[in-house]
Amino acid sequence: MTSGPSDKSRGVALALAFLLGIFGGHRFYAGKPGTGILMALTVGGAGLWYVYDLILVASGGFHRGPAAARMTSVANRSRSSVSHHGVRAGVSSFGLMS
């Protein structure tokens, strides 16, 4: 079961990743407390995990919690929603989804 786009702002996540990323601040914001704690205990994986996550958040490749919904900016939310419904309609027309 997947949900729509995240209600979390990529801009806020990027700011948290830059300022508090070494302690996993952006991971707590994105709903990933387990890896946030692990990141805090390892001080951002000795800095490597911090840099990796900073690049992921900035590029839009960072996903939130269990549903793994993309963190999108406000401008991308409507486009993402439209493409999701288009895929669903296409799959329904082939009888793969009821």
Protein backbone atom coordinates (compact mmCIF):
# COMPACT_ATOMS: atom_id res chain seq x y z
CA MET A 1 0.00 0.00 0.00
CA THR A 2 1.48 3.32 -1.03
CA SER A 3 0.38 6.80 -0.20
CA GLY A 4 0.55 10.02 -2.18
CA PRO A 5 3.32 12.56 -2.03
CA SER A 6 4.73 13.33 1.38
CA ASP A 7 3.30 16.28 3.26
CA LYS A 8 6.86 17.05 4.37
CA SER A 9 8.71 19.87 2.65
CA ARG A 10 11.94 19.02 0.85
CA GLY A 11 13.21 22.52 1.70
CA VAL A 12 12.74 21.95 5.43
CA ALA A 13 14.32 18.50 5.15
CA LEU A 14 17.29 20.00 3.29
CA ALA A 15 17.74 22.69 5.95
CA LEU A 16 17.59 20.06 8.69
CA ALA A 17 19.99 17.81 6.79
CA PHE A 18 22.47 20.67 6.44
CA LEU A 19 22.19 21.99 10.02
CA LEU A 20 21.41 18.87 12.05
CA GLY A 21 22.15 16.10 9.56
CA ILE A 22 25.18 14.86 11.44
CA PHE A 23 22.73 13.94 14.24
CA GLY A 24 19.98 12.66 11.92
CA GLY A 25 17.61 15.63 12.34
CA HIS A 26 16.22 15.25 8.82
CA ARG A 27 15.54 11.56 9.41
CA PHE A 28 13.39 12.32 12.47
CA TYR A 29 11.51 14.92 10.39
CA ALA A 30 10.94 12.39 7.60
CA GLY A 31 9.51 9.79 9.99
CA LYS A 32 12.59 7.57 10.27
CA PRO A 33 13.37 7.68 14.01
CA GLY A 34 15.28 4.37 14.03
CA THR A 35 17.88 5.46 11.51
CA GLY A 36 17.83 8.95 13.03
CA ILE A 37 18.96 7.49 16.36
CA LEU A 38 21.56 5.33 14.63
CA MET A 39 22.85 8.35 12.73
CA ALA A 40 23.09 10.37 15.96
CA LEU A 41 24.98 7.57 17.73
CA THR A 42 27.50 7.22 14.89
CA VAL A 43 27.79 11.01 14.37
CA GLY A 44 26.50 10.75 10.85
CA GLY A 45 28.45 7.58 10.10
CA ALA A 46 31.68 9.50 10.75
CA GLY A 47 30.46 12.14 8.30
CA LEU A 48 30.04 9.81 5.32
CA TRP A 49 26.37 9.05 5.94
CA TYR A 50 25.79 12.78 6.51
CA VAL A 51 27.24 13.74 3.10
CA TYR A 52 25.36 10.89 1.38
CA ASP A 53 22.01 11.96 2.89
CA LEU A 54 22.68 15.62 2.14
CA ILE A 55 23.10 14.76 -1.55
CA LEU A 56 19.99 12.53 -1.49
CA VAL A 57 17.78 15.17 0.10
CA ALA A 58 19.05 17.90 -2.23
CA SER A 59 18.43 15.75 -5.32
CA GLY A 60 14.96 14.64 -4.21
CA GLY A 61 15.95 11.00 -3.82
CA PHE A 62 15.33 10.83 -0.07
CA HIS A 63 12.17 8.93 0.93
CA ARG A 64 10.16 9.03 4.11
CA GLY A 65 9.12 6.27 6.51
CA PRO A 66 7.51 2.93 5.65
CA ALA A 67 5.40 4.13 2.73
CA ALA A 68 8.53 5.45 0.97
CA ALA A 69 6.58 8.32 -0.57
CA ARG A 70 8.78 10.86 -2.33
CA MET A 71 9.39 14.10 -0.54
CA THR A 72 8.27 16.64 -3.07
CA SER A 73 8.30 20.39 -3.29
CA VAL A 74 4.99 22.22 -3.50
CA ALA A 75 5.47 22.70 -7.24
CA ASN A 76 5.82 18.97 -7.89
CA ARG A 77 2.87 17.78 -5.79
CA SER A 78 0.15 18.26 -8.38
CA ARG A 79 2.25 16.78 -11.22
CA SER A 80 3.09 13.73 -9.08
CA SER A 81 -0.57 13.23 -8.22
CA VAL A 82 -1.64 13.42 -11.86
CA SER A 83 0.97 10.91 -13.02
CA HIS A 84 -0.03 8.49 -10.23
CA HIS A 85 -3.66 8.55 -11.34
CA GLY A 86 -2.66 8.11 -14.97
CA VAL A 87 -0.71 4.95 -14.13
CA ARG A 88 -3.59 3.62 -12.07
CA ALA A 89 -6.06 4.27 -14.88
CA GLY A 90 -3.78 2.51 -17.37
CA VAL A 91 -3.43 -0.51 -15.13
CA SER A 92 -7.20 -0.62 -14.50
CA SER A 93 -7.96 -0.60 -18.22
CA PHE A 94 -5.92 -3.79 -18.64
CA GLY A 95 -7.90 -5.48 -15.86
CA LEU A 96 -4.87 -5.82 -13.58
CA MET A 97 -6.42 -3.74 -10.86
CA SER A 98 -9.99 -3.70 -9.63
